[in-house]
Amino acid sequence: MKKLLLTLSLCTTILMSLAPIQNIFANPIPTVKNPTQKQIQHTPIFAEFHQLNGIDSFNQTLWENYLIDPENDQSLNRLFAEQIKANLVQIEASSNMSEEEKQKFRNMANIREPDENDIKIYKKLLEAQKYDLGDSVKKDQAKANDLIYEAAALGSSQALELLGIRFIHQIGHVGLQKNAIDYFSFFADEPSNADHPAAFWAYLAYSYTYGVGRAKNQETALKYWKKAHHLYSMQIDPTGFIAYMMGQMSENQKFLNQPIEDAMDYYKMSANEENIAAQHAVLRLLKSKKKFDELTYEAELFMAEHKAAKKEKDAFYTLSELYAQKDWDIYNPKKSIEYLNQAIALGHDRALLDLARYYEHGYLVEADPAKATELYKKSLEQGNPTAGILLVNLYENGAKGFKADAKQAQIWRKKATALYKELGYGDVLPKADEIRLFQRMY
C-alpha cells in the first residue's frame, strides 16, 4: 500500500503540473486592446534576460511547454490515468484515504478524451507557432498573438497563460504588460487555482514588486513570491527563467530578511539549468572573473552568500565541515582546521567546541588532550554546557597521555552544572555518552 500511495502521489503531482487550470472561464475573459505595433521594448529585467539568453530560444521553449497535441497517445496525462485505473480497486478499498482524495483519483482515471474543440484549439496554436517563428510563412508575432487569443476564447487556459507570458515579455506588442497582469490575476483570483504550480505566481510577484501593470505593493509581492517559491519544485521551468527572475526580485529587496542569500539560492537553481543570465549573476555576486564552470563551489559560493548577509562565521564553519568529510573528494584536514579557526575568531561557539573535540580524539589534528581541556574551558566560559560535560569527562576518566584529575573534575563539574541549571536543562549534569543531550541542544 505504501508503494501504491507513493506512486499515486507522484501521479497527482505530475498531473497537476500538466492539467489545465480549472474554472478560469467562470467569469468573462479580460479583453485585449492591440495597439499599433512599434519597436519592441523591455523593462530592464527582461531586457537583460533576453540579451543574455536570446528571445528566440526563450520563445521556442514557451511553445514546447504550451503546444500540446491532444491526440498524442503518449501524453503523460493518459499514461498516468491508465496507471490510476489499474489501481482503482486498491484505491477504493484504502482506509488511508478520505472520500475526497478518492474522488480526485476517480476524476483523474476518467480523463476526458479530446473532442473537436480541443483539436480546433491545437490547430490555432499550431498556426500561431508558425507565424511566431516564421516557419514556412512570414514572421508575424502580432498575428501569432491574435491566434493564441482565439484559442483562449475557445476555452484554452494554456493559451491564455501563454498569451500573458508573451505580453509581459512584450513579444510582438508594446504596452501590454498590464493586460498580462490582468490575465495572471484572473488565474490567481480563482480559488481552485490556489495550489496550481504555474508561472503566473512569479509574474504577479514581479508585477507588484516593480509596479508593472499594478501599483507597487511589497506586502502583496512578498505573498506571491512565497507562493512561487513554495510551488517552484513542481514548476516546469527548463530555461531556469522563473528562478532567475526570483533571484532578480530578491537581490535588492529590503523587505526580505536575507536578500543576497535568497537571490544566490535562486540564481544557483537557474544556473544549474545552464541559464546564462543566472550564471553571470552568480559571478557578479562573487565578484569573480572566472567562468561559471571553473568555480570551486564550496568556498566561493558559500563565502559570497554568507558574507553579504554578514554571516561569515557560519560560512567558515560550514566550509570546515565540508572539508572534514573523509568520504568526499574535497577532504582536506588543513583547510578544515583553517576555516574552523576563522569561525572561532568570529565568535562561532560550536566551532570552538568542535576544535576541542578534535584535539581530544586526534581527528584532523594530532591528539592533544591538554590543549583540548583549555579549549573546553574557554567554550564553557562562553556559555556552552556541552563543553563542560566533555571537560568533566576528560578529567574524570583521563585519556592517552593525559592523567585523570578528580579535584579538577569536581571543580569543573560544579561550574558546568551551574550553567546547565541556569539554562534550564536540569539539576544533574549528564554523562558525556548520553546522546540525548546532544540531540536536544544541536
Foldseek 3Di string as FASTA:
>chain_A
DVVVVVLVVVLVLQCLQQPFQPDLPVDPQDDDDFDDADPFDADVVLVLQCVQFNPVVVVVVLCVNQLDDLPPCPDSLNVSLVVLVVCLVVLVVDPVDDPVVNVVSVDSNCDDRDDPLSNVLNVLQVVLVCLCNVPVHPNQNVVSLVSLVVSVVSPGNSSLLSSLVCVNSQRRGPPCPLVSLVSLVSSCVPVSCVLRQELSLLVNLVCQCVVGNHDNDNVSSVVSLVSNVVSVVSHPDLQLVSLQSSLVSQQPDPVDLQSLLSSLVSLVSNVVSVNRSSQVVQCVLLVHPDGSVPDPCLLSNLCSSCVSSVNLLVSLQVSLVVLLDPVDPNNDLVSSVVSLVVSVVVPDLVSLLVVLVCLCVVRSHRHDNVVSLVSLVVSVVVQDLLSLQVNLQCQCPPDVVGHHHVVVSVVSLVSSQVSCVVVPNDNHDDHNPPCVVVVVVD
